[in-house]
Amino acid sequence: MKKCNKCLKNKDDFYSDQRKSDGLRAVCRDCTNLMERIKWKLHPEKYREKAKIRRSSRRDAVNSRQRKYYSLNKGSIRKSQVKYEKKDPTRWSEARKKWKKENPIKQKAYRHKRRAAKSLGENFTNLDVERILKLQKGKCAYCRTLIKSRYHIDHIIPLSVGGSNSKKNIQGLCPSCNLQKHAKDPILFMQSRGYLL
């Protein structure tokens, strides 16, 4: 038990503080939380900016901790997701459709990552897709037609014959070229189109 400096009550619920001799803060949890809420209401921009800086500085540590937690608890997390989806299926499906529509590049990268989960090595990201489309000037790598809105992400060396899912093995193609290429070797495919490689 310890006396809180703010509410002057004896409590045993304090945040830890290693700088103090007893290892606890001088103000109880309730008072600390109340003071934080008041600060946020009085100066929202200042605290929003501070929180953003703090999050960005700790992002790698937080991400690795979350990945570790997810890998250890994958089954229970998925069960809870399914449970909530069953409660209100239309809400979840609408949210998914909306996200897919707003993030087409992320969706394509995610779909390819799932397909290539068995392949070893790194996976490309939506940023890699954007970079490649910029390098290709928004044109198909084979027929050079514009592919700004409709395009497929193609693995230059197909996954089925041992190609990787890394950013070095992808290119943007128009749907027609990608469906014709399918899982063919890129050199044989170009030779079938009359190019001398």
N, C-alpha and C. Protein backbone atom coordinates (compact mmCIF):
# COMPACT_ATOMS: atom_id res chain seq x y z
N MET A 1 0.85 -1.20 0.00
CA MET A 1 0.00 0.00 0.00
C MET A 1 0.88 1.24 0.00
N LYS A 2 0.40 2.24 -0.74
CA LYS A 2 1.15 3.48 -0.85
C LYS A 2 0.19 4.63 -1.03
N LYS A 3 0.53 5.81 -0.54
CA LYS A 3 -0.34 6.97 -0.64
C LYS A 3 -0.09 7.67 -1.97
N CYS A 4 -1.18 7.92 -2.71
CA CYS A 4 -1.10 8.61 -3.99
C CYS A 4 -0.94 10.12 -3.73
N ASN A 5 -0.01 10.75 -4.45
CA ASN A 5 0.23 12.19 -4.28
C ASN A 5 -0.89 13.06 -4.86
N LYS A 6 -1.73 12.46 -5.71
CA LYS A 6 -2.78 13.25 -6.37
C LYS A 6 -4.11 13.15 -5.60
N CYS A 7 -4.61 11.92 -5.42
CA CYS A 7 -5.91 11.75 -4.75
C CYS A 7 -5.77 11.56 -3.24
N LEU A 8 -4.54 11.41 -2.77
CA LEU A 8 -4.22 11.27 -1.33
C LEU A 8 -4.87 10.05 -0.68
N LYS A 9 -5.12 9.00 -1.47
CA LYS A 9 -5.68 7.76 -0.93
C LYS A 9 -4.60 6.69 -0.92
N ASN A 10 -4.73 5.76 0.03
CA ASN A 10 -3.81 4.63 0.08
C ASN A 10 -4.27 3.57 -0.92
N LYS A 11 -3.39 3.24 -1.87
CA LYS A 11 -3.73 2.28 -2.92
C LYS A 11 -2.54 1.36 -3.16
N ASP A 12 -2.81 0.24 -3.89
CA ASP A 12 -1.71 -0.65 -4.26
C ASP A 12 -1.62 -0.81 -5.78
N ASP A 13 -2.26 0.11 -6.53
CA ASP A 13 -2.28 0.04 -7.99
C ASP A 13 -1.49 1.22 -8.58
N PHE A 14 -0.19 1.03 -8.79
CA PHE A 14 0.70 2.07 -9.31
C PHE A 14 1.49 1.53 -10.50
N TYR A 15 1.77 2.41 -11.46
CA TYR A 15 2.66 2.03 -12.55
C TYR A 15 4.09 1.95 -12.01
N SER A 16 4.91 1.11 -12.63
CA SER A 16 6.30 0.98 -12.16
C SER A 16 7.15 2.14 -12.66
N ASP A 17 8.14 2.50 -11.88
CA ASP A 17 9.09 3.55 -12.24
C ASP A 17 10.42 3.20 -11.56
N GLN A 18 11.39 2.75 -12.36
CA GLN A 18 12.66 2.27 -11.81
C GLN A 18 13.51 3.37 -11.18
N ARG A 19 13.18 4.63 -11.48
CA ARG A 19 13.95 5.74 -10.91
C ARG A 19 13.60 5.97 -9.43
N LYS A 20 12.42 5.51 -9.01
CA LYS A 20 12.00 5.70 -7.61
C LYS A 20 12.62 4.62 -6.72
N SER A 21 12.76 4.93 -5.46
CA SER A 21 13.39 3.98 -4.52
C SER A 21 12.55 2.72 -4.33
N ASP A 22 11.20 2.88 -4.34
CA ASP A 22 10.33 1.71 -4.16
C ASP A 22 9.93 1.07 -5.50
N GLY A 23 10.38 1.67 -6.63
CA GLY A 23 10.09 1.10 -7.95
C GLY A 23 8.70 1.43 -8.47
N LEU A 24 7.97 2.36 -7.82
CA LEU A 24 6.62 2.72 -8.25
C LEU A 24 6.50 4.23 -8.41
N ARG A 25 5.58 4.64 -9.29
CA ARG A 25 5.33 6.07 -9.45
C ARG A 25 4.68 6.65 -8.20
N ALA A 26 4.71 7.98 -8.09
CA ALA A 26 4.13 8.65 -6.93
C ALA A 26 2.62 8.81 -7.06
N VAL A 27 2.09 8.72 -8.30
CA VAL A 27 0.66 8.89 -8.56
C VAL A 27 0.07 7.54 -8.98
N CYS A 28 -1.13 7.21 -8.46
CA CYS A 28 -1.76 5.91 -8.76
C CYS A 28 -2.16 5.82 -10.23
N ARG A 29 -2.51 4.61 -10.68
CA ARG A 29 -2.88 4.38 -12.08
C ARG A 29 -4.09 5.21 -12.49
N ASP A 30 -5.12 5.24 -11.65
CA ASP A 30 -6.35 5.97 -11.99
C ASP A 30 -6.05 7.45 -12.23
N CYS A 31 -5.28 8.06 -11.32
CA CYS A 31 -4.95 9.48 -11.45
C CYS A 31 -4.05 9.73 -12.65
N THR A 32 -3.11 8.82 -12.91
CA THR A 32 -2.22 8.95 -14.06
C THR A 32 -3.02 8.92 -15.36
N ASN A 33 -3.94 7.97 -15.47
CA ASN A 33 -4.77 7.84 -16.66
C ASN A 33 -5.65 9.07 -16.85
N LEU A 34 -6.21 9.58 -15.74
CA LEU A 34 -7.05 10.77 -15.80
C LEU A 34 -6.25 11.98 -16.28
N MET A 35 -5.03 12.14 -15.75
CA MET A 35 -4.18 13.27 -16.16
C MET A 35 -3.81 13.17 -17.63
N GLU A 36 -3.54 11.96 -18.10
CA GLU A 36 -3.20 11.76 -19.52
C GLU A 36 -4.37 12.14 -20.42
N ARG A 37 -5.59 11.72 -20.02
CA ARG A 37 -6.78 12.05 -20.81
C ARG A 37 -6.99 13.56 -20.88
N ILE A 38 -6.78 14.25 -19.77
CA ILE A 38 -6.94 15.71 -19.73
C ILE A 38 -5.91 16.37 -20.64
N LYS A 39 -4.65 15.91 -20.58
CA LYS A 39 -3.60 16.46 -21.44
C LYS A 39 -3.95 16.29 -22.91
N TRP A 40 -4.45 15.10 -23.27
CA TRP A 40 -4.82 14.82 -24.66
C TRP A 40 -5.94 15.75 -25.11
N LYS A 41 -6.91 16.01 -24.21
CA LYS A 41 -8.03 16.88 -24.59
C LYS A 41 -7.58 18.33 -24.74
N LEU A 42 -6.66 18.78 -23.89
CA LEU A 42 -6.20 20.17 -23.94
C LEU A 42 -5.27 20.44 -25.12
N HIS A 43 -4.38 19.48 -25.44
CA HIS A 43 -3.39 19.67 -26.50
C HIS A 43 -3.34 18.45 -27.42
N PRO A 44 -4.42 18.20 -28.18
CA PRO A 44 -4.44 16.96 -28.99
C PRO A 44 -3.35 16.89 -30.06
N GLU A 45 -3.05 18.03 -30.73
CA GLU A 45 -2.06 18.01 -31.80
C GLU A 45 -0.67 17.65 -31.27
N LYS A 46 -0.32 18.29 -30.14
CA LYS A 46 1.00 18.06 -29.54
C LYS A 46 1.18 16.59 -29.17
N TYR A 47 0.18 16.00 -28.52
CA TYR A 47 0.31 14.63 -28.05
C TYR A 47 0.18 13.63 -29.20
N ARG A 48 -0.60 13.98 -30.21
CA ARG A 48 -0.71 13.12 -31.38
C ARG A 48 0.64 13.03 -32.08
N GLU A 49 1.32 14.17 -32.19
CA GLU A 49 2.64 14.20 -32.82
C GLU A 49 3.67 13.41 -31.99
N LYS A 50 3.62 13.57 -30.67
CA LYS A 50 4.53 12.82 -29.79
C LYS A 50 4.30 11.31 -29.94
N ALA A 51 3.03 10.93 -29.95
CA ALA A 51 2.70 9.51 -30.08
C ALA A 51 3.19 8.95 -31.41
N LYS A 52 3.06 9.75 -32.46
CA LYS A 52 3.51 9.32 -33.80
C LYS A 52 5.02 9.09 -33.81
N ILE A 53 5.77 10.01 -33.19
CA ILE A 53 7.23 9.88 -33.12
C ILE A 53 7.62 8.66 -32.30
N ARG A 54 6.92 8.45 -31.17
CA ARG A 54 7.22 7.30 -30.30
C ARG A 54 6.94 5.99 -31.02
N ARG A 55 5.80 5.94 -31.76
CA ARG A 55 5.46 4.72 -32.50
C ARG A 55 6.49 4.42 -33.58
N SER A 56 6.90 5.47 -34.31
CA SER A 56 7.86 5.24 -35.40
C SER A 56 9.22 4.78 -34.87
N SER A 57 9.61 5.27 -33.69
CA SER A 57 10.90 4.86 -33.13
C SER A 57 10.88 3.43 -32.61
N ARG A 58 9.68 2.96 -32.22
CA ARG A 58 9.57 1.61 -31.66
C ARG A 58 8.95 0.62 -32.65
N ARG A 59 8.75 1.04 -33.91
CA ARG A 59 8.00 0.22 -34.86
C ARG A 59 8.60 -1.17 -35.07
N ASP A 60 9.92 -1.25 -35.26
CA ASP A 60 10.58 -2.54 -35.51
C ASP A 60 10.41 -3.49 -34.33
N ALA A 61 10.61 -2.97 -33.12
CA ALA A 61 10.47 -3.81 -31.92
C ALA A 61 9.03 -4.30 -31.76
N VAL A 62 8.08 -3.39 -31.99
CA VAL A 62 6.65 -3.75 -31.86
C VAL A 62 6.27 -4.78 -32.91
N ASN A 63 6.71 -4.55 -34.17
CA ASN A 63 6.38 -5.48 -35.25
C ASN A 63 6.93 -6.88 -34.97
N SER A 64 8.18 -6.96 -34.50
CA SER A 64 8.76 -8.27 -34.22
C SER A 64 8.03 -8.96 -33.07
N ARG A 65 7.64 -8.16 -32.05
CA ARG A 65 6.88 -8.73 -30.93
C ARG A 65 5.52 -9.24 -31.39
N GLN A 66 4.85 -8.47 -32.26
CA GLN A 66 3.54 -8.89 -32.77
C GLN A 66 3.64 -10.13 -33.65
N ARG A 67 4.69 -10.19 -34.49
CA ARG A 67 4.88 -11.37 -35.33
C ARG A 67 5.11 -12.62 -34.48
N LYS A 68 5.92 -12.46 -33.44
CA LYS A 68 6.20 -13.58 -32.54
C LYS A 68 4.92 -14.05 -31.85
N TYR A 69 4.14 -13.09 -31.35
CA TYR A 69 2.89 -13.42 -30.67
C TYR A 69 1.93 -14.13 -31.63
N TYR A 70 1.85 -13.60 -32.87
CA TYR A 70 0.95 -14.21 -33.85
C TYR A 70 1.37 -15.63 -34.19
N SER A 71 2.68 -15.85 -34.36
CA SER A 71 3.15 -17.20 -34.71
C SER A 71 2.87 -18.20 -33.59
N LEU A 72 2.93 -17.75 -32.33
CA LEU A 72 2.66 -18.63 -31.19
C LEU A 72 1.17 -18.87 -30.97
N ASN A 73 0.32 -17.90 -31.38
CA ASN A 73 -1.12 -17.97 -31.09
C ASN A 73 -1.99 -17.92 -32.35
N LYS A 74 -1.45 -18.42 -33.45
CA LYS A 74 -2.16 -18.33 -34.73
C LYS A 74 -3.55 -18.97 -34.68
N GLY A 75 -3.64 -20.15 -34.09
CA GLY A 75 -4.91 -20.87 -34.04
C GLY A 75 -5.98 -20.13 -33.26
N SER A 76 -5.64 -19.65 -32.07
CA SER A 76 -6.64 -18.96 -31.25
C SER A 76 -7.05 -17.63 -31.86
N ILE A 77 -6.09 -16.94 -32.50
CA ILE A 77 -6.41 -15.66 -33.16
C ILE A 77 -7.40 -15.90 -34.30
N ARG A 78 -7.13 -16.94 -35.10
CA ARG A 78 -8.02 -17.23 -36.22
C ARG A 78 -9.41 -17.63 -35.73
N LYS A 79 -9.49 -18.40 -34.63
CA LYS A 79 -10.79 -18.80 -34.07
C LYS A 79 -11.59 -17.57 -33.66
N SER A 80 -10.93 -16.61 -32.99
CA SER A 80 -11.65 -15.41 -32.57
C SER A 80 -12.09 -14.58 -33.77
N GLN A 81 -11.27 -14.54 -34.83
CA GLN A 81 -11.66 -13.82 -36.04
C GLN A 81 -12.89 -14.46 -36.67
N VAL A 82 -12.89 -15.79 -36.75
CA VAL A 82 -14.03 -16.51 -37.33
C VAL A 82 -15.28 -16.26 -36.50
N LYS A 83 -15.13 -16.25 -35.18
CA LYS A 83 -16.27 -16.02 -34.29
C LYS A 83 -16.90 -14.65 -34.55
N TYR A 84 -16.06 -13.62 -34.66
CA TYR A 84 -16.58 -12.27 -34.91
C TYR A 84 -17.16 -12.15 -36.31
N GLU A 85 -16.56 -12.84 -37.27
CA GLU A 85 -17.08 -12.80 -38.64
C GLU A 85 -18.46 -13.44 -38.71
N LYS A 86 -18.66 -14.51 -37.93
CA LYS A 86 -19.97 -15.19 -37.92
C LYS A 86 -21.05 -14.32 -37.31
N LYS A 87 -20.66 -13.48 -36.32
CA LYS A 87 -21.64 -12.60 -35.68
C LYS A 87 -22.24 -11.61 -36.67
N ASP A 88 -21.40 -11.04 -37.52
CA ASP A 88 -21.87 -10.03 -38.48
C ASP A 88 -21.13 -10.19 -39.81
N PRO A 89 -21.49 -11.23 -40.59
CA PRO A 89 -20.73 -11.54 -41.81
C PRO A 89 -20.78 -10.43 -42.87
N THR A 90 -21.93 -9.75 -42.98
CA THR A 90 -22.02 -8.71 -44.02
C THR A 90 -21.06 -7.56 -43.75
N ARG A 91 -20.91 -7.19 -42.47
CA ARG A 91 -20.01 -6.10 -42.11
C ARG A 91 -18.58 -6.43 -42.49
N TRP A 92 -18.16 -7.68 -42.21
CA TRP A 92 -16.79 -8.09 -42.50
C TRP A 92 -16.55 -8.16 -44.00
N SER A 93 -17.50 -8.72 -44.74
CA SER A 93 -17.30 -8.84 -46.18
C SER A 93 -17.28 -7.46 -46.84
N GLU A 94 -18.14 -6.55 -46.35
CA GLU A 94 -18.14 -5.19 -46.90
C GLU A 94 -16.82 -4.48 -46.60
N ALA A 95 -16.31 -4.67 -45.38
CA ALA A 95 -15.03 -4.04 -45.00
C ALA A 95 -13.89 -4.58 -45.86
N ARG A 96 -13.91 -5.91 -46.12
CA ARG A 96 -12.87 -6.51 -46.97
C ARG A 96 -12.93 -5.96 -48.39
N LYS A 97 -14.16 -5.90 -48.94
CA LYS A 97 -14.33 -5.39 -50.30
C LYS A 97 -13.84 -3.95 -50.41
N LYS A 98 -14.18 -3.16 -49.39
CA LYS A 98 -13.77 -1.75 -49.38
C LYS A 98 -12.24 -1.65 -49.34
N TRP A 99 -11.60 -2.45 -48.46
CA TRP A 99 -10.15 -2.42 -48.35
C TRP A 99 -9.49 -2.84 -49.66
N LYS A 100 -10.01 -3.89 -50.30
CA LYS A 100 -9.45 -4.37 -51.56
C LYS A 100 -9.55 -3.30 -52.65
N LYS A 101 -10.68 -2.58 -52.65
CA LYS A 101 -10.87 -1.54 -53.65
C LYS A 101 -9.92 -0.36 -53.42
N GLU A 102 -9.70 -0.02 -52.16
CA GLU A 102 -8.84 1.11 -51.82
C GLU A 102 -7.35 0.77 -51.92
N ASN A 103 -6.97 -0.51 -51.81
CA ASN A 103 -5.57 -0.93 -51.80
C ASN A 103 -5.29 -2.03 -52.83
N PRO A 104 -5.46 -1.75 -54.12
CA PRO A 104 -5.27 -2.82 -55.11
C PRO A 104 -3.85 -3.37 -55.16
N ILE A 105 -2.85 -2.50 -55.00
CA ILE A 105 -1.47 -2.96 -55.08
C ILE A 105 -1.12 -3.84 -53.89
N LYS A 106 -1.54 -3.42 -52.69
CA LYS A 106 -1.31 -4.23 -51.49
C LYS A 106 -2.00 -5.58 -51.62
N GLN A 107 -3.21 -5.58 -52.19
CA GLN A 107 -3.98 -6.82 -52.35
C GLN A 107 -3.26 -7.79 -53.28
N LYS A 108 -2.71 -7.25 -54.39
CA LYS A 108 -1.98 -8.12 -55.32
C LYS A 108 -0.73 -8.70 -54.67
N ALA A 109 0.00 -7.84 -53.95
CA ALA A 109 1.22 -8.31 -53.27
C ALA A 109 0.88 -9.38 -52.24
N TYR A 110 -0.21 -9.17 -51.51
CA TYR A 110 -0.63 -10.13 -50.48
C TYR A 110 -1.01 -11.47 -51.12
N ARG A 111 -1.75 -11.41 -52.23
CA ARG A 111 -2.19 -12.64 -52.91
C ARG A 111 -0.99 -13.45 -53.40
N HIS A 112 -0.02 -12.75 -53.99
CA HIS A 112 1.17 -13.44 -54.47
C HIS A 112 2.00 -14.00 -53.32
N LYS A 113 2.05 -13.27 -52.22
CA LYS A 113 2.81 -13.73 -51.05
C LYS A 113 2.22 -15.03 -50.51
N ARG A 114 0.88 -15.11 -50.49
CA ARG A 114 0.22 -16.33 -50.02
C ARG A 114 0.54 -17.50 -50.94
N ARG A 115 0.48 -17.24 -52.26
CA ARG A 115 0.76 -18.31 -53.22
C ARG A 115 2.18 -18.81 -53.10
N ALA A 116 3.08 -17.89 -52.80
CA ALA A 116 4.50 -18.23 -52.76
C ALA A 116 4.99 -18.56 -51.36
N ALA A 117 4.08 -18.83 -50.45
CA ALA A 117 4.47 -19.07 -49.05
C ALA A 117 5.42 -20.25 -48.93
N LYS A 118 5.30 -21.22 -49.85
CA LYS A 118 6.16 -22.40 -49.78
C LYS A 118 7.57 -22.12 -50.29
N SER A 119 7.70 -21.09 -51.13
CA SER A 119 9.03 -20.80 -51.67
C SER A 119 9.89 -20.12 -50.61
N LEU A 120 11.16 -20.40 -50.64
CA LEU A 120 12.07 -19.84 -49.65
C LEU A 120 12.51 -18.44 -50.06
N GLY A 121 13.01 -17.69 -49.13
CA GLY A 121 13.55 -16.37 -49.43
C GLY A 121 12.56 -15.26 -49.18
N GLU A 122 12.92 -14.06 -49.66
CA GLU A 122 12.12 -12.88 -49.37
C GLU A 122 10.88 -12.80 -50.26
N ASN A 123 9.91 -12.00 -49.84
CA ASN A 123 8.70 -11.76 -50.61
C ASN A 123 8.65 -10.29 -51.00
N PHE A 124 8.12 -10.00 -52.19
CA PHE A 124 8.02 -8.60 -52.61
C PHE A 124 6.85 -7.94 -51.88
N THR A 125 6.89 -6.61 -51.83
CA THR A 125 5.85 -5.84 -51.15
C THR A 125 5.13 -4.95 -52.15
N ASN A 126 4.10 -4.26 -51.67
CA ASN A 126 3.38 -3.34 -52.55
C ASN A 126 4.28 -2.19 -53.01
N LEU A 127 5.26 -1.80 -52.19
CA LEU A 127 6.20 -0.74 -52.58
C LEU A 127 7.07 -1.19 -53.74
N ASP A 128 7.44 -2.48 -53.74
CA ASP A 128 8.23 -3.03 -54.84
C ASP A 128 7.42 -3.00 -56.14
N VAL A 129 6.13 -3.33 -56.04
CA VAL A 129 5.25 -3.31 -57.22
C VAL A 129 5.17 -1.90 -57.78
N GLU A 130 4.95 -0.92 -56.89
CA GLU A 130 4.87 0.48 -57.34
C GLU A 130 6.16 0.91 -58.03
N ARG A 131 7.31 0.51 -57.46
CA ARG A 131 8.61 0.87 -58.03
C ARG A 131 8.80 0.26 -59.41
N ILE A 132 8.42 -1.00 -59.56
CA ILE A 132 8.57 -1.70 -60.84
C ILE A 132 7.67 -1.09 -61.91
N LEU A 133 6.42 -0.77 -61.52
CA LEU A 133 5.52 -0.14 -62.48
C LEU A 133 6.04 1.23 -62.92
N LYS A 134 6.68 1.94 -61.99
CA LYS A 134 7.28 3.24 -62.32
C LYS A 134 8.46 3.05 -63.28
N LEU A 135 9.30 2.03 -63.01
CA LEU A 135 10.43 1.75 -63.89
C LEU A 135 9.97 1.35 -65.29
N GLN A 136 8.85 0.62 -65.36
CA GLN A 136 8.30 0.20 -66.65
C GLN A 136 7.49 1.30 -67.31
N LYS A 137 7.40 2.48 -66.66
CA LYS A 137 6.65 3.64 -67.15
C LYS A 137 5.18 3.31 -67.40
N GLY A 138 4.64 2.44 -66.55
CA GLY A 138 3.22 2.10 -66.65
C GLY A 138 2.86 1.28 -67.86
N LYS A 139 3.85 0.58 -68.45
CA LYS A 139 3.61 -0.21 -69.67
C LYS A 139 3.92 -1.68 -69.41
N CYS A 140 3.27 -2.54 -70.19
CA CYS A 140 3.51 -3.99 -70.12
C CYS A 140 4.96 -4.27 -70.55
N ALA A 141 5.63 -5.16 -69.83
CA ALA A 141 7.03 -5.47 -70.14
C ALA A 141 7.20 -6.14 -71.50
N TYR A 142 6.14 -6.78 -72.02
CA TYR A 142 6.25 -7.48 -73.31
C TYR A 142 5.67 -6.68 -74.48
N CYS A 143 4.39 -6.31 -74.39
CA CYS A 143 3.76 -5.67 -75.56
C CYS A 143 3.75 -4.15 -75.48
N ARG A 144 4.19 -3.56 -74.35
CA ARG A 144 4.34 -2.12 -74.14
C ARG A 144 3.01 -1.35 -74.17
N THR A 145 1.87 -2.02 -73.95
CA THR A 145 0.61 -1.30 -73.82
C THR A 145 0.51 -0.72 -72.41
N LEU A 146 -0.27 0.35 -72.25
CA LEU A 146 -0.43 0.98 -70.94
C LEU A 146 -1.18 0.04 -70.00
N ILE A 147 -0.68 -0.08 -68.77
CA ILE A 147 -1.29 -1.00 -67.79
C ILE A 147 -1.54 -0.31 -66.45
N LYS A 148 -1.79 1.00 -66.47
CA LYS A 148 -1.91 1.74 -65.22
C LYS A 148 -3.02 1.21 -64.32
N SER A 149 -4.18 0.92 -64.88
CA SER A 149 -5.30 0.48 -64.03
C SER A 149 -5.45 -1.04 -64.00
N ARG A 150 -5.23 -1.71 -65.14
CA ARG A 150 -5.39 -3.17 -65.20
C ARG A 150 -4.05 -3.82 -65.53
N TYR A 151 -3.55 -4.58 -64.58
CA TYR A 151 -2.28 -5.27 -64.81
C TYR A 151 -2.20 -6.50 -63.91
N HIS A 152 -1.31 -7.42 -64.27
CA HIS A 152 -1.01 -8.61 -63.48
C HIS A 152 0.44 -8.53 -63.02
N ILE A 153 0.69 -9.06 -61.83
CA ILE A 153 2.08 -9.18 -61.38
C ILE A 153 2.56 -10.55 -61.83
N ASP A 154 3.59 -10.57 -62.65
CA ASP A 154 4.10 -11.82 -63.22
C ASP A 154 5.45 -12.17 -62.60
N HIS A 155 5.63 -13.46 -62.32
CA HIS A 155 6.95 -13.95 -61.91
C HIS A 155 7.73 -14.26 -63.18
N ILE A 156 8.85 -13.59 -63.38
CA ILE A 156 9.63 -13.76 -64.61
C ILE A 156 9.99 -15.23 -64.78
N ILE A 157 10.60 -15.83 -63.75
CA ILE A 157 10.79 -17.28 -63.72
C ILE A 157 9.67 -17.82 -62.83
N PRO A 158 8.74 -18.59 -63.39
CA PRO A 158 7.55 -19.01 -62.63
C PRO A 158 7.88 -19.75 -61.34
N LEU A 159 7.02 -19.58 -60.35
CA LEU A 159 7.19 -20.26 -59.07
C LEU A 159 7.18 -21.77 -59.24
N SER A 160 6.39 -22.24 -60.21
CA SER A 160 6.25 -23.69 -60.41
C SER A 160 7.53 -24.34 -60.90
N VAL A 161 8.46 -23.55 -61.47
CA VAL A 161 9.74 -24.12 -61.92
C VAL A 161 10.90 -23.63 -61.07
N GLY A 162 10.60 -23.15 -59.86
CA GLY A 162 11.65 -22.78 -58.92
C GLY A 162 11.99 -21.32 -58.83
N GLY A 163 11.17 -20.45 -59.44
CA GLY A 163 11.41 -19.01 -59.33
C GLY A 163 11.10 -18.51 -57.93
N SER A 164 11.72 -17.41 -57.55
CA SER A 164 11.50 -16.86 -56.21
C SER A 164 10.36 -15.85 -56.23
N ASN A 165 9.93 -15.45 -55.04
CA ASN A 165 8.88 -14.45 -54.92
C ASN A 165 9.48 -13.10 -54.52
N SER A 166 10.75 -12.88 -54.86
CA SER A 166 11.43 -11.65 -54.49
C SER A 166 11.14 -10.56 -55.50
N LYS A 167 11.51 -9.33 -55.16
CA LYS A 167 11.27 -8.18 -56.03
C LYS A 167 12.09 -8.27 -57.32
N LYS A 168 13.16 -9.08 -57.33
CA LYS A 168 14.00 -9.22 -58.52
C LYS A 168 13.36 -10.13 -59.56
N ASN A 169 12.32 -10.87 -59.18
CA ASN A 169 11.72 -11.84 -60.09
C ASN A 169 10.29 -11.46 -60.51
N ILE A 170 9.91 -10.20 -60.38
CA ILE A 170 8.55 -9.81 -60.78
C ILE A 170 8.57 -8.72 -61.82
N GLN A 171 7.49 -8.65 -62.58
CA GLN A 171 7.32 -7.61 -63.59
C GLN A 171 5.83 -7.37 -63.77
N GLY A 172 5.49 -6.23 -64.30
CA GLY A 172 4.08 -5.91 -64.57
C GLY A 172 3.74 -6.24 -66.00
N LEU A 173 2.67 -7.02 -66.19
CA LEU A 173 2.22 -7.38 -67.53
C LEU A 173 0.75 -7.05 -67.69
N CYS A 174 0.34 -6.84 -68.93
CA CYS A 174 -1.09 -6.70 -69.18
C CYS A 174 -1.72 -8.08 -68.99
N PRO A 175 -3.01 -8.16 -68.67
CA PRO A 175 -3.63 -9.48 -68.43
C PRO A 175 -3.46 -10.45 -69.60
N SER A 176 -3.54 -9.93 -70.83
CA SER A 176 -3.43 -10.79 -72.01
C SER A 176 -2.07 -11.48 -72.08
N CYS A 177 -0.98 -10.70 -71.92
CA CYS A 177 0.38 -11.27 -71.99
C CYS A 177 0.62 -12.25 -70.85
N ASN A 178 0.16 -11.90 -69.65
CA ASN A 178 0.39 -12.79 -68.50
C ASN A 178 -0.34 -14.10 -68.66
N LEU A 179 -1.58 -14.08 -69.18
CA LEU A 179 -2.33 -15.32 -69.36
C LEU A 179 -1.72 -16.17 -70.47
N GLN A 180 -1.14 -15.52 -71.50
CA GLN A 180 -0.47 -16.28 -72.56
C GLN A 180 0.84 -16.88 -72.05
N LYS A 181 1.57 -16.12 -71.25
CA LYS A 181 2.86 -16.60 -70.74
C LYS A 181 2.65 -17.75 -69.76
N HIS A 182 1.70 -17.62 -68.87
CA HIS A 182 1.35 -18.61 -67.85
C HIS A 182 2.62 -19.05 -67.10
N ALA A 183 3.02 -20.31 -67.19
CA ALA A 183 4.20 -20.80 -66.45
C ALA A 183 5.34 -21.14 -67.40
N LYS A 184 5.38 -20.45 -68.56
CA LYS A 184 6.43 -20.72 -69.54
C LYS A 184 7.73 -20.05 -69.14
N ASP A 185 8.83 -20.58 -69.65
CA ASP A 185 10.13 -19.95 -69.47
C ASP A 185 10.10 -18.61 -70.22
N PRO A 186 10.61 -17.53 -69.64
CA PRO A 186 10.52 -16.22 -70.29
C PRO A 186 11.21 -16.15 -71.65
N ILE A 187 12.34 -16.83 -71.80
CA ILE A 187 13.06 -16.80 -73.08
C ILE A 187 12.27 -17.54 -74.15
N LEU A 188 11.75 -18.73 -73.81
CA LEU A 188 10.94 -19.49 -74.79
C LEU A 188 9.68 -18.73 -75.17
N PHE A 189 9.09 -18.04 -74.20
CA PHE A 189 7.87 -17.27 -74.47
C PHE A 189 8.17 -16.13 -75.45
N MET A 190 9.28 -15.42 -75.25
CA MET A 190 9.63 -14.32 -76.14
C MET A 190 10.00 -14.85 -77.54
N GLN A 191 10.66 -16.00 -77.59
CA GLN A 191 10.99 -16.60 -78.90
C GLN A 191 9.72 -17.02 -79.65
N SER A 192 8.72 -17.49 -78.90
CA SER A 192 7.45 -17.87 -79.54
C SER A 192 6.73 -16.66 -80.12
N ARG A 193 7.07 -15.48 -79.63
CA ARG A 193 6.46 -14.24 -80.14
C ARG A 193 7.30 -13.60 -81.25
N GLY A 194 8.38 -14.25 -81.64
CA GLY A 194 9.18 -13.76 -82.76
C GLY A 194 10.40 -12.94 -82.37
N TYR A 195 10.69 -12.86 -81.08
CA TYR A 195 11.89 -12.12 -80.66
C TYR A 195 13.10 -13.05 -80.69
N LEU A 196 14.24 -12.53 -81.11
CA LEU A 196 15.45 -13.35 -81.18
C LEU A 196 16.25 -13.15 -79.89
N LEU A 197 16.10 -14.06 -78.97
CA LEU A 197 16.84 -13.98 -77.70
C LEU A 197 17.83 -15.13 -77.62
